[in-house]
Amino acid sequence: MPFVATARRSASDVDDESEEEMKAHMARDPEEYEEEEEQAEEGGREEEEEEFTVEKIVDHKWEDGILKYKVKWKGYEKKADQTWEPEDTLEDVVALDEYLKAIGGRPAPNSAKRGRKSTGSATATPAAKKNRVKQDTTVAQLKEDDWDPPAGSWEEDVRMIETLERSGNEHICYVQWVNGKRTQHPLHVIYQRCPQKMLKFYESHLVFRDSAGTIKSSPK
């Protein structure tokens, strides 16, 4: 049988290696340890992040010089879950583009609404847990035939105001355009863009009462 040489590591050898490893760790820059800890924490936070999808924008306001929009989050039906988000957090969100189109463009600072101040909810809402805003491309997908109203006056482009409805604290006008398109806009936008068309709508819906008390509609 061939002779096989074996060796056993002595305790002193192990102690020497452990001492060398400890010295190597102590020689490391403390900033390296801090960077490793920060990277580990960031990795954990990314795993916990949730994405919340904007379903639609329901309102806007100016607050301390910042334009904010009230967001209805997809999957959250309670009004208490709707939150006010700064404009810069909603970039490239389709729901915001549709809202601006409906109200006739980006709100000016002097058009800020006067009303109740929003109050925070003590319960957990999407705002409390939100990390990123994701646009809802399945519900609010842009279509090829999307059309924007022209800039400036609409008097020559609007055929008629079809009807006027109350929606919450606002009045919404349904507009029929000369090109056949139909859109809806807040009443204050119609006053600015085509006041004469709005006047004709009112005139066509006036009701008169004669001396005998008989009610007569205005001639159309």
Protein backbone atom coordinates (compact mmCIF):
# COMPACT_ATOMS: atom_id res chain seq x y z
CA MET A 1 0.00 0.00 0.00
CA PRO A 2 1.43 3.41 -0.95
CA PHE A 3 2.20 5.78 1.84
CA VAL A 4 -0.21 8.75 2.04
CA ALA A 5 0.92 11.85 3.84
CA THR A 6 -1.74 13.55 5.97
CA ALA A 7 -1.59 16.68 8.08
CA ARG A 8 -3.75 18.12 10.85
CA ARG A 9 -4.14 21.87 11.19
CA SER A 10 -3.05 23.05 14.53
CA ALA A 11 -5.08 25.42 16.68
CA SER A 12 -2.34 28.00 16.29
CA ASP A 13 -2.79 27.95 12.47
CA VAL A 14 -6.55 28.60 12.80
CA ASP A 15 -5.97 31.36 15.30
CA ASP A 16 -3.43 33.00 12.98
CA GLU A 17 -5.92 32.98 10.07
CA SER A 18 -8.78 34.32 12.21
CA GLU A 19 -6.54 37.10 13.43
CA GLU A 20 -5.57 38.00 9.84
CA GLU A 21 -9.22 38.08 8.73
CA MET A 22 -10.15 40.31 11.67
CA LYS A 23 -7.30 42.70 10.85
CA ALA A 24 -8.47 42.80 7.20
CA HIS A 25 -12.02 43.70 8.28
CA MET A 26 -10.77 46.35 10.69
CA ALA A 27 -8.67 47.88 7.94
CA ARG A 28 -11.74 48.43 5.73
CA ASP A 29 -13.11 51.94 5.36
CA PRO A 30 -16.18 52.46 7.63
CA GLU A 31 -17.93 54.18 4.69
CA GLU A 32 -17.93 50.85 2.84
CA TYR A 33 -19.96 49.31 5.66
CA GLU A 34 -22.45 52.24 5.54
CA GLU A 35 -22.84 51.90 1.76
CA GLU A 36 -23.50 48.16 2.08
CA GLU A 37 -26.12 48.77 4.76
CA GLU A 38 -27.84 51.49 2.68
CA GLN A 39 -27.92 49.23 -0.38
CA ALA A 40 -29.45 46.43 1.69
CA GLU A 41 -32.12 48.79 3.05
CA GLU A 42 -32.95 50.17 -0.42
CA GLY A 43 -33.26 46.66 -1.78
CA GLY A 44 -35.73 45.81 0.97
CA ARG A 45 -37.77 48.93 0.30
CA GLU A 46 -37.98 48.18 -3.43
CA GLU A 47 -39.39 44.74 -2.67
CA GLU A 48 -42.07 46.32 -0.47
CA GLU A 49 -43.06 48.99 -3.01
CA GLU A 50 -46.56 48.83 -4.44
CA GLU A 51 -47.85 50.40 -7.60
CA PHE A 52 -51.16 52.29 -7.52
CA THR A 53 -52.98 53.04 -10.75
CA VAL A 54 -54.68 56.36 -11.49
CA GLU A 55 -58.22 55.65 -12.70
CA LYS A 56 -59.31 59.26 -13.18
CA ILE A 57 -58.85 62.85 -11.99
CA VAL A 58 -61.95 64.26 -10.30
CA ASP A 59 -60.95 67.77 -9.21
CA HIS A 60 -58.12 70.29 -8.90
CA LYS A 61 -56.99 73.12 -6.64
CA TRP A 62 -54.12 75.53 -6.06
CA GLU A 63 -52.48 75.25 -2.66
CA ASP A 64 -49.54 77.45 -1.63
CA GLY A 65 -48.74 78.09 -5.28
CA ILE A 66 -48.78 74.36 -6.17
CA LEU A 67 -51.36 72.88 -8.54
CA LYS A 68 -52.82 69.68 -7.12
CA TYR A 69 -55.26 67.16 -8.57
CA LYS A 70 -57.69 64.92 -6.72
CA VAL A 71 -57.01 61.32 -7.78
CA LYS A 72 -59.46 58.42 -7.89
CA TRP A 73 -57.32 55.28 -7.58
CA LYS A 74 -58.21 52.12 -9.44
CA GLY A 75 -59.66 49.52 -7.10
CA TYR A 76 -60.48 52.07 -4.37
CA GLU A 77 -64.13 53.10 -4.54
CA LYS A 78 -64.47 55.07 -1.28
CA LYS A 79 -64.22 58.85 -1.51
CA ALA A 80 -62.01 58.75 1.57
CA ASP A 81 -59.38 56.96 -0.55
CA GLN A 82 -59.23 59.81 -3.09
CA THR A 83 -56.10 61.89 -2.52
CA TRP A 84 -54.65 65.25 -3.60
CA GLU A 85 -51.44 64.80 -5.60
CA PRO A 86 -49.02 67.50 -6.87
CA GLU A 87 -49.00 68.04 -10.62
CA ASP A 88 -45.37 66.94 -11.01
CA THR A 89 -46.17 63.44 -9.71
CA LEU A 90 -48.71 62.85 -12.49
CA GLU A 91 -46.55 63.38 -15.57
CA ASP A 92 -47.56 61.33 -18.64
CA VAL A 93 -50.72 60.08 -16.93
CA VAL A 94 -53.51 59.62 -19.48
CA ALA A 95 -56.25 60.34 -16.93
CA LEU A 96 -54.75 63.81 -16.34
CA ASP A 97 -54.68 64.57 -20.08
CA GLU A 98 -58.36 63.64 -20.32
CA TYR A 99 -59.26 65.80 -17.34
CA LEU A 100 -57.44 68.84 -18.76
CA LYS A 101 -59.17 68.29 -22.10
CA ALA A 102 -62.55 68.21 -20.36
CA ILE A 103 -61.99 71.50 -18.48
CA GLY A 104 -60.43 73.30 -21.45
CA GLY A 105 -56.76 73.22 -20.50
CA ARG A 106 -54.45 73.57 -17.52
CA PRO A 107 -56.08 75.61 -14.72
CA ALA A 108 -54.66 79.06 -14.11
CA PRO A 109 -53.72 80.13 -10.56
CA ASN A 110 -56.55 82.69 -10.45
CA SER A 111 -59.10 79.96 -11.18
CA ALA A 112 -58.44 78.21 -7.88
CA LYS A 113 -61.68 77.11 -6.29
CA ARG A 114 -62.86 78.42 -2.96
CA GLY A 115 -64.39 75.72 -0.83
CA ARG A 116 -63.79 73.24 1.90
CA LYS A 117 -60.24 72.36 2.74
CA SER A 118 -59.37 68.74 2.24
CA THR A 119 -58.90 66.72 5.41
CA GLY A 120 -56.65 63.71 5.76
CA SER A 121 -58.05 60.31 6.64
CA ALA A 122 -56.75 58.42 9.64
CA THR A 123 -57.17 55.14 7.80
CA ALA A 124 -54.60 53.77 5.39
CA THR A 125 -55.22 55.07 1.88
CA PRO A 126 -53.33 54.80 -1.38
CA ALA A 127 -51.64 58.13 -0.56
CA ALA A 128 -50.21 56.70 2.64
CA LYS A 129 -48.81 53.64 0.89
CA LYS A 130 -48.16 55.06 -2.59
CA ASN A 131 -44.62 54.92 -3.90
CA ARG A 132 -45.10 55.27 -7.64
CA VAL A 133 -47.90 56.49 -9.86
CA LYS A 134 -48.78 54.29 -12.79
CA GLN A 135 -51.13 55.37 -15.55
CA ASP A 136 -54.11 53.19 -16.36
CA THR A 137 -53.49 52.30 -20.00
CA THR A 138 -56.18 49.62 -20.02
CA VAL A 139 -59.11 51.80 -18.93
CA ALA A 140 -58.03 55.19 -20.31
CA GLN A 141 -56.24 54.05 -23.44
CA LEU A 142 -55.85 56.85 -25.98
CA LYS A 143 -57.71 56.27 -29.22
CA GLU A 144 -56.62 57.22 -32.71
CA ASP A 145 -59.67 59.47 -33.19
CA ASP A 146 -59.00 61.62 -30.09
CA TRP A 147 -59.65 65.27 -30.88
CA ASP A 148 -58.74 68.48 -29.07
CA PRO A 149 -60.93 71.62 -29.19
CA PRO A 150 -59.27 74.58 -30.92
CA ALA A 151 -57.48 77.30 -29.01
CA GLY A 152 -59.06 80.72 -28.56
CA SER A 153 -62.71 81.49 -29.30
CA TRP A 154 -65.09 78.61 -30.09
CA GLU A 155 -67.96 80.74 -31.44
CA GLU A 156 -67.41 79.71 -35.06
CA ASP A 157 -66.64 76.09 -34.28
CA VAL A 158 -69.50 75.19 -31.91
CA ARG A 159 -72.80 74.29 -33.53
CA MET A 160 -74.83 74.32 -30.33
CA ILE A 161 -74.93 73.65 -26.62
CA GLU A 162 -76.97 70.45 -26.37
CA THR A 163 -77.69 70.39 -22.65
CA LEU A 164 -76.53 71.55 -19.24
CA GLU A 165 -76.20 69.20 -16.28
CA ARG A 166 -75.21 69.60 -12.65
CA SER A 167 -72.36 67.34 -11.51
CA GLY A 168 -71.55 67.74 -7.83
CA ASN A 169 -70.71 71.39 -7.28
CA GLU A 170 -70.21 72.10 -10.99
CA HIS A 171 -72.36 72.54 -14.08
CA ILE A 172 -71.26 70.61 -17.15
CA CYS A 173 -72.15 71.67 -20.71
CA TYR A 174 -72.49 69.13 -23.51
CA VAL A 175 -71.25 70.69 -26.74
CA GLN A 176 -71.91 69.71 -30.35
CA TRP A 177 -69.26 70.93 -32.79
CA VAL A 178 -69.57 71.87 -36.44
CA ASN A 179 -67.33 68.93 -37.37
CA GLY A 180 -69.71 66.50 -35.65
CA LYS A 181 -67.64 65.96 -32.54
CA ARG A 182 -69.25 66.04 -29.10
CA THR A 183 -67.45 67.09 -25.93
CA GLN A 184 -68.29 68.20 -22.42
CA HIS A 185 -66.82 71.12 -20.49
CA PRO A 186 -67.38 73.00 -17.22
CA LEU A 187 -69.75 75.94 -17.54
CA HIS A 188 -67.07 78.53 -16.79
CA VAL A 189 -65.07 77.32 -19.80
CA ILE A 190 -68.09 77.80 -22.09
CA TYR A 191 -68.58 81.32 -20.72
CA GLN A 192 -65.00 82.11 -21.71
CA ARG A 193 -64.81 80.36 -25.10
CA CYS A 194 -68.30 80.74 -26.62
CA PRO A 195 -70.58 82.98 -24.50
CA GLN A 196 -72.93 83.70 -27.42
CA LYS A 197 -73.67 80.01 -27.90
CA MET A 198 -74.41 79.74 -24.18
CA LEU A 199 -76.75 82.74 -24.44
CA LYS A 200 -78.65 81.11 -27.31
CA PHE A 201 -79.03 77.97 -25.21
CA TYR A 202 -80.57 79.98 -22.37
CA GLU A 203 -82.87 81.88 -24.76
CA SER A 204 -84.12 78.64 -26.29
CA HIS A 205 -85.07 77.34 -22.86
CA LEU A 206 -86.82 80.44 -21.53
CA VAL A 207 -90.38 80.02 -20.33
CA PHE A 208 -92.89 82.90 -20.47
CA ARG A 209 -96.20 83.37 -18.69
CA ASP A 210 -98.92 85.52 -20.32
CA SER A 211 -101.49 87.68 -18.53
CA ALA A 212 -103.85 84.73 -18.24
CA GLY A 213 -101.19 82.69 -16.46
CA THR A 214 -100.58 80.39 -19.40
CA ILE A 215 -96.99 79.16 -19.66
CA LYS A 216 -95.43 79.48 -23.10
CA SER A 217 -91.97 78.37 -24.21
CA SER A 218 -89.77 80.76 -26.12
CA PRO A 219 -89.76 80.26 -29.91
CA LYS A 220 -86.77 78.24 -31.14
